[in-house]
Amino acid sequence: MIGLASFGQDATPSDKAPKSTKTLPEWRGHRTGMALSLNAQGLEMKFQIDLMVGPKEGTDQLTWTLVYDGDPGKSERPYLLTTINAARGRFAIDQQNSIVLVATLIGNALSTRFFCGFFRLEGRL
């Protein structure tokens, strides 16, 4: 299950990003699941999400493609994943449009916190 929920903390990057993702080779492949959009009243929306992770040719980054499929339609988001600090479980998801989300590996889940308009969101994969 992949969830998106309002959250009250910010993620602020403090590390420079070396170009390495050698710590996440087991994440390569294609996964499908259901995503939940939650608000203060509970479930707002449920939709299918696909995550495709693979090597980016000529680099040690990983491609990180999300495909959302639900009532609003289908949307593909091609991102890049880079290691910031493997020892601390810190990664960067580059949306390739000047937006880079800092992500933290907690257990086996990659967690991000970010703003979308006036909303603070958390994503866990």
PDB file of N, CA and C in Angstrom:
ATOM      1  N   MET A   1       0.847  -1.174   0.000  1.00  0.00           N
ATOM      2  CA  MET A   1       0.000   0.000   0.000  1.00  0.00           C
ATOM      3  C   MET A   1       0.891   1.236   0.000  1.00  0.00           C
ATOM      4  N   ILE A   2       0.578   2.156  -0.814  1.00  0.00           N
ATOM      5  CA  ILE A   2       1.306   3.412  -0.908  1.00  0.00           C
ATOM      6  C   ILE A   2       0.359   4.511  -0.474  1.00  0.00           C
ATOM      7  N   GLY A   3       0.778   5.345   0.484  1.00  0.00           N
ATOM      8  CA  GLY A   3      -0.135   6.348   0.993  1.00  0.00           C
ATOM      9  C   GLY A   3       0.384   7.757   0.834  1.00  0.00           C
ATOM     10  N   LEU A   4      -0.532   8.687   0.652  1.00  0.00           N
ATOM     11  CA  LEU A   4      -0.222  10.110   0.662  1.00  0.00           C
ATOM     12  C   LEU A   4      -1.126  10.735   1.713  1.00  0.00           C
ATOM     13  N   ALA A   5      -0.526  11.438   2.662  1.00  0.00           N
ATOM     14  CA  ALA A   5      -1.337  12.016   3.731  1.00  0.00           C
ATOM     15  C   ALA A   5      -0.788  13.376   4.127  1.00  0.00           C
ATOM     16  N   SER A   6      -1.649  14.254   4.624  1.00  0.00           N
ATOM     17  CA  SER A   6      -1.180  15.536   5.154  1.00  0.00           C
ATOM     18  C   SER A   6      -0.272  15.270   6.333  1.00  0.00           C
ATOM     19  N   PHE A   7       0.794  16.037   6.455  1.00  0.00           N
ATOM     20  CA  PHE A   7       1.752  15.829   7.532  1.00  0.00           C
ATOM     21  C   PHE A   7       2.293  17.155   7.987  1.00  0.00           C
ATOM     22  N   GLY A   8       2.748  17.264   9.202  1.00  0.00           N
ATOM     23  CA  GLY A   8       3.132  18.553   9.751  1.00  0.00           C
ATOM     24  C   GLY A   8       4.607  18.824   9.897  1.00  0.00           C
ATOM     25  N   GLN A   9       5.487  18.149   9.126  1.00  0.00           N
ATOM     26  CA  GLN A   9       6.907  18.418   9.235  1.00  0.00           C
ATOM     27  C   GLN A   9       7.483  18.631   7.852  1.00  0.00           C
ATOM     28  N   ASP A  10       8.553  19.401   7.785  1.00  0.00           N
ATOM     29  CA  ASP A  10       9.235  19.673   6.520  1.00  0.00           C
ATOM     30  C   ASP A  10      10.485  18.807   6.417  1.00  0.00           C
ATOM     31  N   ALA A  11      10.888  18.475   5.202  1.00  0.00           N
ATOM     32  CA  ALA A  11      12.167  17.819   4.950  1.00  0.00           C
ATOM     33  C   ALA A  11      13.070  18.849   4.291  1.00  0.00           C
ATOM     34  N   THR A  12      14.174  19.154   4.935  1.00  0.00           N
ATOM     35  CA  THR A  12      15.089  20.152   4.392  1.00  0.00           C
ATOM     36  C   THR A  12      16.426  19.474   4.109  1.00  0.00           C
ATOM     37  N   PRO A  13      16.887  19.474   2.842  1.00  0.00           N
ATOM     38  CA  PRO A  13      18.151  18.821   2.536  1.00  0.00           C
ATOM     39  C   PRO A  13      19.328  19.583   3.133  1.00  0.00           C
ATOM     40  N   SER A  14      20.267  18.846   3.752  1.00  0.00           N
ATOM     41  CA  SER A  14      21.444  19.504   4.293  1.00  0.00           C
ATOM     42  C   SER A  14      22.722  18.882   3.756  1.00  0.00           C
ATOM     43  N   ASP A  15      22.598  17.830   2.937  1.00  0.00           N
ATOM     44  CA  ASP A  15      23.762  17.134   2.409  1.00  0.00           C
ATOM     45  C   ASP A  15      23.886  17.373   0.907  1.00  0.00           C
ATOM     46  N   LYS A  16      25.108  17.380   0.400  1.00  0.00           N
ATOM     47  CA  LYS A  16      25.327  17.426  -1.049  1.00  0.00           C
ATOM     48  C   LYS A  16      25.128  16.021  -1.588  1.00  0.00           C
ATOM     49  N   ALA A  17      24.650  15.886  -2.806  1.00  0.00           N
ATOM     50  CA  ALA A  17      24.273  14.588  -3.359  1.00  0.00           C
ATOM     51  C   ALA A  17      25.365  13.985  -4.238  1.00  0.00           C
ATOM     52  N   PRO A  18      26.135  12.991  -3.728  1.00  0.00           N
ATOM     53  CA  PRO A  18      27.017  12.261  -4.615  1.00  0.00           C
ATOM     54  C   PRO A  18      26.177  11.364  -5.517  1.00  0.00           C
ATOM     55  N   LYS A  19      26.614  11.130  -6.729  1.00  0.00           N
ATOM     56  CA  LYS A  19      25.834  10.367  -7.703  1.00  0.00           C
ATOM     57  C   LYS A  19      26.028   8.867  -7.503  1.00  0.00           C
ATOM     58  N   SER A  20      25.284   8.265  -6.574  1.00  0.00           N
ATOM     59  CA  SER A  20      25.407   6.837  -6.348  1.00  0.00           C
ATOM     60  C   SER A  20      24.103   6.273  -5.807  1.00  0.00           C
ATOM     61  N   THR A  21      23.674   5.143  -6.351  1.00  0.00           N
ATOM     62  CA  THR A  21      22.489   4.450  -5.829  1.00  0.00           C
ATOM     63  C   THR A  21      22.808   2.981  -5.591  1.00  0.00           C
ATOM     64  N   LYS A  22      24.050   2.663  -5.371  1.00  0.00           N
ATOM     65  CA  LYS A  22      24.454   1.270  -5.214  1.00  0.00           C
ATOM     66  C   LYS A  22      23.813   0.607  -4.002  1.00  0.00           C
ATOM     67  N   THR A  23      23.234   1.363  -3.091  1.00  0.00           N
ATOM     68  CA  THR A  23      22.622   0.790  -1.896  1.00  0.00           C
ATOM     69  C   THR A  23      21.202   0.301  -2.140  1.00  0.00           C
ATOM     70  N   LEU A  24      20.604   0.568  -3.304  1.00  0.00           N
ATOM     71  CA  LEU A  24      19.215   0.172  -3.556  1.00  0.00           C
ATOM     72  C   LEU A  24      19.028  -0.754  -4.769  1.00  0.00           C
ATOM     73  N   PRO A  25      19.950  -1.680  -5.073  1.00  0.00           N
ATOM     74  CA  PRO A  25      19.765  -2.487  -6.275  1.00  0.00           C
ATOM     75  C   PRO A  25      18.534  -3.390  -6.197  1.00  0.00           C
ATOM     76  N   GLU A  26      18.130  -3.791  -4.989  1.00  0.00           N
ATOM     77  CA  GLU A  26      16.973  -4.677  -4.838  1.00  0.00           C
ATOM     78  C   GLU A  26      15.654  -3.975  -5.171  1.00  0.00           C
ATOM     79  N   TRP A  27      15.672  -2.678  -5.336  1.00  0.00           N
ATOM     80  CA  TRP A  27      14.465  -1.931  -5.672  1.00  0.00           C
ATOM     81  C   TRP A  27      14.197  -1.930  -7.161  1.00  0.00           C
ATOM     82  N   ARG A  28      15.132  -2.399  -7.975  1.00  0.00           N
ATOM     83  CA  ARG A  28      14.942  -2.386  -9.423  1.00  0.00           C
ATOM     84  C   ARG A  28      13.819  -3.327  -9.802  1.00  0.00           C
ATOM     85  N   GLY A  29      12.996  -2.879 -10.753  1.00  0.00           N
ATOM     86  CA  GLY A  29      11.876  -3.699 -11.198  1.00  0.00           C
ATOM     87  C   GLY A  29      10.596  -2.883 -11.271  1.00  0.00           C
ATOM     88  N   HIS A  30       9.472  -3.599 -11.363  1.00  0.00           N
ATOM     89  CA  HIS A  30       8.162  -2.972 -11.530  1.00  0.00           C
ATOM     90  C   HIS A  30       7.250  -3.445 -10.400  1.00  0.00           C
ATOM     91  N   ARG A  31       6.645  -2.487  -9.703  1.00  0.00           N
ATOM     92  CA  ARG A  31       5.710  -2.793  -8.615  1.00  0.00           C
ATOM     93  C   ARG A  31       4.399  -2.060  -8.871  1.00  0.00           C
ATOM     94  N   THR A  32       3.311  -2.697  -8.476  1.00  0.00           N
ATOM     95  CA  THR A  32       1.982  -2.115  -8.625  1.00  0.00           C
ATOM     96  C   THR A  32       1.283  -2.180  -7.278  1.00  0.00           C
ATOM     97  N   GLY A  33       0.553  -1.121  -6.948  1.00  0.00           N
ATOM     98  CA  GLY A  33      -0.194  -1.111  -5.700  1.00  0.00           C
ATOM     99  C   GLY A  33      -1.295  -0.076  -5.752  1.00  0.00           C
ATOM    100  N   MET A  34      -1.967   0.098  -4.635  1.00  0.00           N
ATOM    101  CA  MET A  34      -3.019   1.097  -4.525  1.00  0.00           C
ATOM    102  C   MET A  34      -2.516   2.239  -3.661  1.00  0.00           C
ATOM    103  N   ALA A  35      -2.813   3.455  -4.081  1.00  0.00           N
ATOM    104  CA  ALA A  35      -2.438   4.653  -3.330  1.00  0.00           C
ATOM    105  C   ALA A  35      -3.688   5.231  -2.687  1.00  0.00           C
ATOM    106  N   LEU A  36      -3.496   5.804  -1.520  1.00  0.00           N
ATOM    107  CA  LEU A  36      -4.596   6.430  -0.801  1.00  0.00           C
ATOM    108  C   LEU A  36      -4.284   7.903  -0.620  1.00  0.00           C
ATOM    109  N   SER A  37      -5.231   8.747  -0.900  1.00  0.00           N
ATOM    110  CA  SER A  37      -5.117  10.170  -0.629  1.00  0.00           C
ATOM    111  C   SER A  37      -6.008  10.438   0.575  1.00  0.00           C
ATOM    112  N   LEU A  38      -5.389  10.899   1.667  1.00  0.00           N
ATOM    113  CA  LEU A  38      -6.113  11.098   2.921  1.00  0.00           C
ATOM    114  C   LEU A  38      -6.156  12.578   3.286  1.00  0.00           C
ATOM    115  N   ASN A  39      -7.221  12.963   3.959  1.00  0.00           N
ATOM    116  CA  ASN A  39      -7.303  14.311   4.520  1.00  0.00           C
ATOM    117  C   ASN A  39      -7.784  14.185   5.965  1.00  0.00           C
ATOM    118  N   ALA A  40      -8.076  15.266   6.625  1.00  0.00           N
ATOM    119  CA  ALA A  40      -8.474  15.237   8.032  1.00  0.00           C
ATOM    120  C   ALA A  40      -9.745  14.426   8.264  1.00  0.00           C
ATOM    121  N   GLN A  41     -10.612  14.335   7.255  1.00  0.00           N
ATOM    122  CA  GLN A  41     -11.863  13.580   7.384  1.00  0.00           C
ATOM    123  C   GLN A  41     -11.688  12.104   7.027  1.00  0.00           C
ATOM    124  N   GLY A  42     -10.525  11.718   6.521  1.00  0.00           N
ATOM    125  CA  GLY A  42     -10.283  10.323   6.166  1.00  0.00           C
ATOM    126  C   GLY A  42      -9.952  10.174   4.690  1.00  0.00           C
ATOM    127  N   LEU A  43     -10.419   9.069   4.099  1.00  0.00           N
ATOM    128  CA  LEU A  43     -10.102   8.741   2.714  1.00  0.00           C
ATOM    129  C   LEU A  43     -10.744   9.728   1.755  1.00  0.00           C
ATOM    130  N   GLU A  44      -9.904  10.314   0.889  1.00  0.00           N
ATOM    131  CA  GLU A  44     -10.392  11.243  -0.118  1.00  0.00           C
ATOM    132  C   GLU A  44     -10.449  10.585  -1.491  1.00  0.00           C
ATOM    133  N   MET A  45      -9.406   9.788  -1.819  1.00  0.00           N
ATOM    134  CA  MET A  45      -9.323   9.186  -3.139  1.00  0.00           C
ATOM    135  C   MET A  45      -8.437   7.940  -3.067  1.00  0.00           C
ATOM    136  N   LYS A  46      -8.740   6.957  -3.893  1.00  0.00           N
ATOM    137  CA  LYS A  46      -7.960   5.735  -3.991  1.00  0.00           C
ATOM    138  C   LYS A  46      -7.670   5.513  -5.471  1.00  0.00           C
ATOM    139  N   PHE A  47      -6.408   5.189  -5.814  1.00  0.00           N
ATOM    140  CA  PHE A  47      -6.063   4.995  -7.216  1.00  0.00           C
ATOM    141  C   PHE A  47      -4.877   4.042  -7.330  1.00  0.00           C
ATOM    142  N   GLN A  48      -4.720   3.453  -8.521  1.00  0.00           N
ATOM    143  CA  GLN A  48      -3.610   2.544  -8.766  1.00  0.00           C
ATOM    144  C   GLN A  48      -2.334   3.347  -9.012  1.00  0.00           C
ATOM    145  N   ILE A  49      -1.218   2.806  -8.531  1.00  0.00           N
ATOM    146  CA  ILE A  49       0.082   3.426  -8.774  1.00  0.00           C
ATOM    147  C   ILE A  49       1.078   2.335  -9.140  1.00  0.00           C
ATOM    148  N   ASP A  50       1.871   2.602 -10.163  1.00  0.00           N
ATOM    149  CA  ASP A  50       2.944   1.708 -10.577  1.00  0.00           C
ATOM    150  C   ASP A  50       4.267   2.417 -10.334  1.00  0.00           C
ATOM    151  N   LEU A  51       5.258   1.680  -9.861  1.00  0.00           N
ATOM    152  CA  LEU A  51       6.608   2.201  -9.678  1.00  0.00           C
ATOM    153  C   LEU A  51       7.545   1.329 -10.493  1.00  0.00           C
ATOM    154  N   MET A  52       8.289   1.955 -11.411  1.00  0.00           N
ATOM    155  CA  MET A  52       9.271   1.248 -12.219  1.00  0.00           C
ATOM    156  C   MET A  52      10.640   1.846 -11.928  1.00  0.00           C
ATOM    157  N   VAL A  53      11.573   1.000 -11.464  1.00  0.00           N
ATOM    158  CA  VAL A  53      12.909   1.439 -11.088  1.00  0.00           C
ATOM    159  C   VAL A  53      13.929   0.671 -11.918  1.00  0.00           C
ATOM    160  N   GLY A  54      14.863   1.401 -12.512  1.00  0.00           N
ATOM    161  CA  GLY A  54      15.897   0.749 -13.318  1.00  0.00           C
ATOM    162  C   GLY A  54      17.123   1.631 -13.414  1.00  0.00           C
ATOM    163  N   PRO A  55      18.198   1.098 -13.987  1.00  0.00           N
ATOM    164  CA  PRO A  55      19.427   1.889 -14.113  1.00  0.00           C
ATOM    165  C   PRO A  55      19.267   2.998 -15.146  1.00  0.00           C
ATOM    166  N   LYS A  56      19.906   4.130 -14.916  1.00  0.00           N
ATOM    167  CA  LYS A  56      19.961   5.200 -15.913  1.00  0.00           C
ATOM    168  C   LYS A  56      21.288   5.048 -16.638  1.00  0.00           C
ATOM    169  N   GLU A  57      21.192   4.809 -17.922  1.00  0.00           N
ATOM    170  CA  GLU A  57      22.370   4.540 -18.733  1.00  0.00           C
ATOM    171  C   GLU A  57      23.418   5.648 -18.606  1.00  0.00           C
ATOM    172  N   GLY A  58      24.677   5.241 -18.416  1.00  0.00           N
ATOM    173  CA  GLY A  58      25.777   6.184 -18.353  1.00  0.00           C
ATOM    174  C   GLY A  58      25.948   6.872 -17.013  1.00  0.00           C
ATOM    175  N   THR A  59      25.113   6.526 -16.017  1.00  0.00           N
ATOM    176  CA  THR A  59      25.223   7.127 -14.678  1.00  0.00           C
ATOM    177  C   THR A  59      25.068   6.029 -13.639  1.00  0.00           C
ATOM    178  N   ASP A  60      25.248   6.372 -12.377  1.00  0.00           N
ATOM    179  CA  ASP A  60      24.922   5.421 -11.315  1.00  0.00           C
ATOM    180  C   ASP A  60      23.645   5.847 -10.593  1.00  0.00           C
ATOM    181  N   GLN A  61      22.812   6.646 -11.276  1.00  0.00           N
ATOM    182  CA  GLN A  61      21.476   6.985 -10.781  1.00  0.00           C
ATOM    183  C   GLN A  61      20.504   5.894 -11.227  1.00  0.00           C
ATOM    184  N   LEU A  62      19.328   5.901 -10.624  1.00  0.00           N
ATOM    185  CA  LEU A  62      18.254   5.008 -11.040  1.00  0.00           C
ATOM    186  C   LEU A  62      17.122   5.823 -11.633  1.00  0.00           C
ATOM    187  N   THR A  63      16.475   5.292 -12.667  1.00  0.00           N
ATOM    188  CA  THR A  63      15.233   5.902 -13.125  1.00  0.00           C
ATOM    189  C   THR A  63      14.168   5.516 -12.106  1.00  0.00           C
ATOM    190  N   TRP A  64      13.229   6.402 -11.859  1.00  0.00           N
ATOM    191  CA  TRP A  64      12.211   6.233 -10.817  1.00  0.00           C
ATOM    192  C   TRP A  64      10.917   6.765 -11.425  1.00  0.00           C
ATOM    193  N   THR A  65      10.182   5.881 -12.095  1.00  0.00           N
ATOM    194  CA  THR A  65       8.995   6.310 -12.828  1.00  0.00           C
ATOM    195  C   THR A  65       7.740   5.895 -12.075  1.00  0.00           C
ATOM    196  N   LEU A  66       6.890   6.875 -11.784  1.00  0.00           N
ATOM    197  CA  LEU A  66       5.597   6.630 -11.144  1.00  0.00           C
ATOM    198  C   LEU A  66       4.502   6.823 -12.178  1.00  0.00           C
ATOM    199  N   VAL A  67       3.542   5.892 -12.205  1.00  0.00           N
ATOM    200  CA  VAL A  67       2.373   6.019 -13.072  1.00  0.00           C
ATOM    201  C   VAL A  67       1.142   5.960 -12.175  1.00  0.00           C
ATOM    202  N   TYR A  68       0.387   7.052 -12.178  1.00  0.00           N
ATOM    203  CA  TYR A  68      -0.853   7.143 -11.409  1.00  0.00           C
ATOM    204  C   TYR A  68      -2.007   6.853 -12.358  1.00  0.00           C
ATOM    205  N   ASP A  69      -2.990   6.026 -11.915  1.00  0.00           N
ATOM    206  CA  ASP A  69      -4.129   5.695 -12.770  1.00  0.00           C
ATOM    207  C   ASP A  69      -5.387   5.640 -11.903  1.00  0.00           C
ATOM    208  N   GLY A  70      -6.278   6.614 -12.118  1.00  0.00           N
ATOM    209  CA  GLY A  70      -7.508   6.677 -11.337  1.00  0.00           C
ATOM    210  C   GLY A  70      -8.527   7.541 -12.034  1.00  0.00           C
ATOM    211  N   ASP A  71      -9.561   7.982 -11.297  1.00  0.00           N
ATOM    212  CA  ASP A  71     -10.643   8.786 -11.863  1.00  0.00           C
ATOM    213  C   ASP A  71     -10.172  10.026 -12.625  1.00  0.00           C
ATOM    214  N   PRO A  72      -9.140  10.757 -12.126  1.00  0.00           N
ATOM    215  CA  PRO A  72      -8.697  11.938 -12.885  1.00  0.00           C
ATOM    216  C   PRO A  72      -7.987  11.585 -14.194  1.00  0.00           C
ATOM    217  N   GLY A  73      -7.655  10.301 -14.406  1.00  0.00           N
ATOM    218  CA  GLY A  73      -6.946   9.878 -15.613  1.00  0.00           C
ATOM    219  C   GLY A  73      -5.601   9.271 -15.263  1.00  0.00           C
ATOM    220  N   LYS A  74      -4.830   8.964 -16.286  1.00  0.00           N
ATOM    221  CA  LYS A  74      -3.533   8.325 -16.121  1.00  0.00           C
ATOM    222  C   LYS A  74      -2.433   9.373 -16.291  1.00  0.00           C
ATOM    223  N   SER A  75      -1.406   9.316 -15.421  1.00  0.00           N
ATOM    224  CA  SER A  75      -0.323  10.284 -15.462  1.00  0.00           C
ATOM    225  C   SER A  75       0.998   9.569 -15.184  1.00  0.00           C
ATOM    226  N   GLU A  76       1.988   9.766 -16.061  1.00  0.00           N
ATOM    227  CA  GLU A  76       3.310   9.170 -15.871  1.00  0.00           C
ATOM    228  C   GLU A  76       4.297  10.247 -15.448  1.00  0.00           C
ATOM    229  N   ARG A  77       5.090   9.949 -14.407  1.00  0.00           N
ATOM    230  CA  ARG A  77       6.063  10.899 -13.870  1.00  0.00           C
ATOM    231  C   ARG A  77       7.457  10.274 -13.897  1.00  0.00           C
ATOM    232  N   PRO A  78       8.311  10.649 -14.861  1.00  0.00           N
ATOM    233  CA  PRO A  78       9.674  10.090 -14.944  1.00  0.00           C
ATOM    234  C   PRO A  78      10.661  10.875 -14.075  1.00  0.00           C
ATOM    235  N   TYR A  79      11.117  10.276 -12.981  1.00  0.00           N
ATOM    236  CA  TYR A  79      12.037  10.911 -12.055  1.00  0.00           C
ATOM    237  C   TYR A  79      13.374  10.169 -12.057  1.00  0.00           C
ATOM    238  N   LEU A  80      14.345  10.713 -11.315  1.00  0.00           N
ATOM    239  CA  LEU A  80      15.641  10.069 -11.105  1.00  0.00           C
ATOM    240  C   LEU A  80      15.888   9.946  -9.607  1.00  0.00           C
ATOM    241  N   LEU A  81      16.497   8.833  -9.186  1.00  0.00           N
ATOM    242  CA  LEU A  81      16.819   8.610  -7.774  1.00  0.00           C
ATOM    243  C   LEU A  81      18.331   8.622  -7.601  1.00  0.00           C
ATOM    244  N   THR A  82      18.794   9.419  -6.641  1.00  0.00           N
ATOM    245  CA  THR A  82      20.221   9.566  -6.354  1.00  0.00           C
ATOM    246  C   THR A  82      20.442   9.405  -4.858  1.00  0.00           C
ATOM    247  N   THR A  83      21.551   8.784  -4.480  1.00  0.00           N
ATOM    248  CA  THR A  83      21.909   8.674  -3.069  1.00  0.00           C
ATOM    249  C   THR A  83      22.555   9.971  -2.600  1.00  0.00           C
ATOM    250  N   ILE A  84      22.092  10.481  -1.471  1.00  0.00           N
ATOM    251  CA  ILE A  84      22.712  11.637  -0.827  1.00  0.00           C
ATOM    252  C   ILE A  84      23.713  11.141   0.211  1.00  0.00           C
ATOM    253  N   ASN A  85      23.240  10.280   1.131  1.00  0.00           N
ATOM    254  CA  ASN A  85      24.079   9.742   2.191  1.00  0.00           C
ATOM    255  C   ASN A  85      23.525   8.363   2.556  1.00  0.00           C
ATOM    256  N   ALA A  86      24.138   7.317   2.010  1.00  0.00           N
ATOM    257  CA  ALA A  86      23.638   5.951   2.209  1.00  0.00           C
ATOM    258  C   ALA A  86      23.635   5.547   3.681  1.00  0.00           C
ATOM    259  N   ALA A  87      24.657   5.946   4.429  1.00  0.00           N
ATOM    260  CA  ALA A  87      24.749   5.582   5.846  1.00  0.00           C
ATOM    261  C   ALA A  87      23.574   6.132   6.646  1.00  0.00           C
ATOM    262  N   ARG A  88      23.075   7.301   6.251  1.00  0.00           N
ATOM    263  CA  ARG A  88      21.937   7.917   6.941  1.00  0.00           C
ATOM    264  C   ARG A  88      20.610   7.611   6.261  1.00  0.00           C
ATOM    265  N   GLY A  89      20.635   6.842   5.157  1.00  0.00           N
ATOM    266  CA  GLY A  89      19.411   6.498   4.449  1.00  0.00           C
ATOM    267  C   GLY A  89      18.773   7.680   3.744  1.00  0.00           C
ATOM    268  N   ARG A  90      19.601   8.616   3.228  1.00  0.00           N
ATOM    269  CA  ARG A  90      19.080   9.833   2.592  1.00  0.00           C
ATOM    270  C   ARG A  90      19.271   9.755   1.079  1.00  0.00           C
ATOM    271  N   PHE A  91      18.183  10.036   0.357  1.00  0.00           N
ATOM    272  CA  PHE A  91      18.172   9.963  -1.092  1.00  0.00           C
ATOM    273  C   PHE A  91      17.504  11.213  -1.656  1.00  0.00           C
ATOM    274  N   ALA A  92      17.640  11.423  -2.955  1.00  0.00           N
ATOM    275  CA  ALA A  92      16.993  12.539  -3.626  1.00  0.00           C
ATOM    276  C   ALA A  92      16.202  12.008  -4.802  1.00  0.00           C
ATOM    277  N   ILE A  93      14.949  12.455  -4.914  1.00  0.00           N
ATOM    278  CA  ILE A  93      14.114  12.141  -6.066  1.00  0.00           C
ATOM    279  C   ILE A  93      14.036  13.401  -6.903  1.00  0.00           C
ATOM    280  N   ASP A  94      14.712  13.373  -8.043  1.00  0.00           N
ATOM    281  CA  ASP A  94      14.792  14.524  -8.941  1.00  0.00           C
ATOM    282  C   ASP A  94      13.641  14.446  -9.939  1.00  0.00           C
ATOM    283  N   GLN A  95      12.736  15.409  -9.869  1.00  0.00           N
ATOM    284  CA  GLN A  95      11.577  15.404 -10.765  1.00  0.00           C
ATOM    285  C   GLN A  95      11.917  15.950 -12.151  1.00  0.00           C
ATOM    286  N   GLN A  96      13.179  16.333 -12.354  1.00  0.00           N
ATOM    287  CA  GLN A  96      13.690  16.814 -13.637  1.00  0.00           C
ATOM    288  C   GLN A  96      12.970  18.067 -14.134  1.00  0.00           C
ATOM    289  N   ASN A  97      12.515  18.879 -13.174  1.00  0.00           N
ATOM    290  CA  ASN A  97      11.853  20.144 -13.503  1.00  0.00           C
ATOM    291  C   ASN A  97      12.230  21.216 -12.477  1.00  0.00           C
ATOM    292  N   SER A  98      13.395  21.104 -11.888  1.00  0.00           N
ATOM    293  CA  SER A  98      13.952  21.956 -10.844  1.00  0.00           C
ATOM    294  C   SER A  98      13.445  21.592  -9.446  1.00  0.00           C
ATOM    295  N   ILE A  99      12.571  20.605  -9.308  1.00  0.00           N
ATOM    296  CA  ILE A  99      12.094  20.149  -7.998  1.00  0.00           C
ATOM    297  C   ILE A  99      12.821  18.860  -7.643  1.00  0.00           C
ATOM    298  N   VAL A 100      13.460  18.856  -6.457  1.00  0.00           N
ATOM    299  CA  VAL A 100      14.142  17.670  -5.952  1.00  0.00           C
ATOM    300  C   VAL A 100      13.607  17.398  -4.551  1.00  0.00           C
ATOM    301  N   LEU A 101      13.052  16.213  -4.346  1.00  0.00           N
ATOM    302  CA  LEU A 101      12.521  15.827  -3.041  1.00  0.00           C
ATOM    303  C   LEU A 101      13.562  15.023  -2.290  1.00  0.00           C
ATOM    304  N   VAL A 102      13.791  15.371  -1.029  1.00  0.00           N
ATOM    305  CA  VAL A 102      14.663  14.578  -0.183  1.00  0.00           C
ATOM    306  C   VAL A 102      13.831  13.437   0.374  1.00  0.00           C
ATOM    307  N   ALA A 103      14.386  12.224   0.326  1.00  0.00           N
ATOM    308  CA  ALA A 103      13.683  11.041   0.816  1.00  0.00           C
ATOM    309  C   ALA A 103      14.565  10.333   1.833  1.00  0.00           C
ATOM    310  N   THR A 104      13.940   9.749   2.844  1.00  0.00           N
ATOM    311  CA  THR A 104      14.656   9.026   3.887  1.00  0.00           C
ATOM    312  C   THR A 104      14.195   7.580   3.906  1.00  0.00           C
ATOM    313  N   LEU A 105      15.148   6.667   3.922  1.00  0.00           N
ATOM    314  CA  LEU A 105      14.844   5.248   4.001  1.00  0.00           C
ATOM    315  C   LEU A 105      14.594   4.892   5.456  1.00  0.00           C
ATOM    316  N   ILE A 106      13.364   4.484   5.769  1.00  0.00           N
ATOM    317  CA  ILE A 106      12.981   4.086   7.124  1.00  0.00           C
ATOM    318  C   ILE A 106      12.509   2.645   7.026  1.00  0.00           C
ATOM    319  N   GLY A 107      13.303   1.731   7.583  1.00  0.00           N
ATOM    320  CA  GLY A 107      13.021   0.315   7.390  1.00  0.00           C
ATOM    321  C   GLY A 107      13.196  -0.011   5.919  1.00  0.00           C
ATOM    322  N   ASN A 108      12.148  -0.517   5.279  1.00  0.00           N
ATOM    323  CA  ASN A 108      12.194  -0.813   3.846  1.00  0.00           C
ATOM    324  C   ASN A 108      11.309   0.148   3.056  1.00  0.00           C
ATOM    325  N   ALA A 109      10.983   1.306   3.634  1.00  0.00           N
ATOM    326  CA  ALA A 109      10.119   2.285   2.965  1.00  0.00           C
ATOM    327  C   ALA A 109      10.875   3.591   2.756  1.00  0.00           C
ATOM    328  N   LEU A 110      10.728   4.167   1.576  1.00  0.00           N
ATOM    329  CA  LEU A 110      11.325   5.455   1.266  1.00  0.00           C
ATOM    330  C   LEU A 110      10.264   6.520   1.533  1.00  0.00           C
ATOM    331  N   SER A 111      10.555   7.433   2.447  1.00  0.00           N
ATOM    332  CA  SER A 111       9.578   8.424   2.902  1.00  0.00           C
ATOM    333  C   SER A 111       9.998   9.823   2.465  1.00  0.00           C
ATOM    334  N   THR A 112       9.032  10.601   1.921  1.00  0.00           N
ATOM    335  CA  THR A 112       9.278  11.986   1.535  1.00  0.00           C
ATOM    336  C   THR A 112       8.212  12.874   2.166  1.00  0.00           C
ATOM    337  N   ARG A 113       8.580  14.116   2.396  1.00  0.00           N
ATOM    338  CA  ARG A 113       7.632  15.127   2.866  1.00  0.00           C
ATOM    339  C   ARG A 113       7.836  16.358   2.008  1.00  0.00           C
ATOM    340  N   PHE A 114       6.737  16.933   1.529  1.00  0.00           N
ATOM    341  CA  PHE A 114       6.860  18.061   0.608  1.00  0.00           C
ATOM    342  C   PHE A 114       5.574  18.865   0.592  1.00  0.00           C
ATOM    343  N   PHE A 115       5.652  20.057   0.011  1.00  0.00           N
ATOM    344  CA  PHE A 115       4.493  20.927  -0.140  1.00  0.00           C
ATOM    345  C   PHE A 115       3.912  20.776  -1.537  1.00  0.00           C
ATOM    346  N   CYS A 116       2.606  20.835  -1.629  1.00  0.00           N
ATOM    347  CA  CYS A 116       1.879  20.890  -2.904  1.00  0.00           C
ATOM    348  C   CYS A 116       0.818  21.969  -2.702  1.00  0.00           C
ATOM    349  N   GLY A 117       1.100  23.155  -3.224  1.00  0.00           N
ATOM    350  CA  GLY A 117       0.214  24.281  -2.937  1.00  0.00           C
ATOM    351  C   GLY A 117       0.317  24.630  -1.466  1.00  0.00           C
ATOM    352  N   PHE A 118      -0.821  24.642  -0.787  1.00  0.00           N
ATOM    353  CA  PHE A 118      -0.847  24.948   0.640  1.00  0.00           C
ATOM    354  C   PHE A 118      -0.771  23.704   1.506  1.00  0.00           C
ATOM    355  N   PHE A 119      -0.682  22.537   0.891  1.00  0.00           N
ATOM    356  CA  PHE A 119      -0.724  21.277   1.625  1.00  0.00           C
ATOM    357  C   PHE A 119       0.674  20.724   1.841  1.00  0.00           C
ATOM    358  N   ARG A 120       0.897  20.184   3.033  1.00  0.00           N
ATOM    359  CA  ARG A 120       2.095  19.420   3.308  1.00  0.00           C
ATOM    360  C   ARG A 120       1.729  17.948   3.109  1.00  0.00           C
ATOM    361  N   LEU A 121       2.520  17.246   2.319  1.00  0.00           N
ATOM    362  CA  LEU A 121       2.214  15.858   1.995  1.00  0.00           C
ATOM    363  C   LEU A 121       3.347  14.944   2.412  1.00  0.00           C
ATOM    364  N   GLU A 122       2.999  13.699   2.680  1.00  0.00           N
ATOM    365  CA  GLU A 122       4.004  12.651   2.930  1.00  0.00           C
ATOM    366  C   GLU A 122       3.735  11.540   1.951  1.00  0.00           C
ATOM    367  N   GLY A 123       4.808  11.057   1.341  1.00  0.00           N
ATOM    368  CA  GLY A 123       4.707   9.891   0.474  1.00  0.00           C
ATOM    369  C   GLY A 123       5.606   8.800   1.010  1.00  0.00           C
ATOM    370  N   ARG A 124       5.123   7.564   1.030  1.00  0.00           N
ATOM    371  CA  ARG A 124       5.920   6.404   1.459  1.00  0.00           C
ATOM    372  C   ARG A 124       5.811   5.344   0.408  1.00  0.00           C
ATOM    373  N   LEU A 125       6.950   4.825  -0.009  1.00  0.00           N
ATOM    374  CA  LEU A 125       6.995   3.738  -1.001  1.00  0.00           C
ATOM    375  C   LEU A 125       7.756   2.581  -0.421  1.00  0.00           C
TER     376      LEU A 125
END
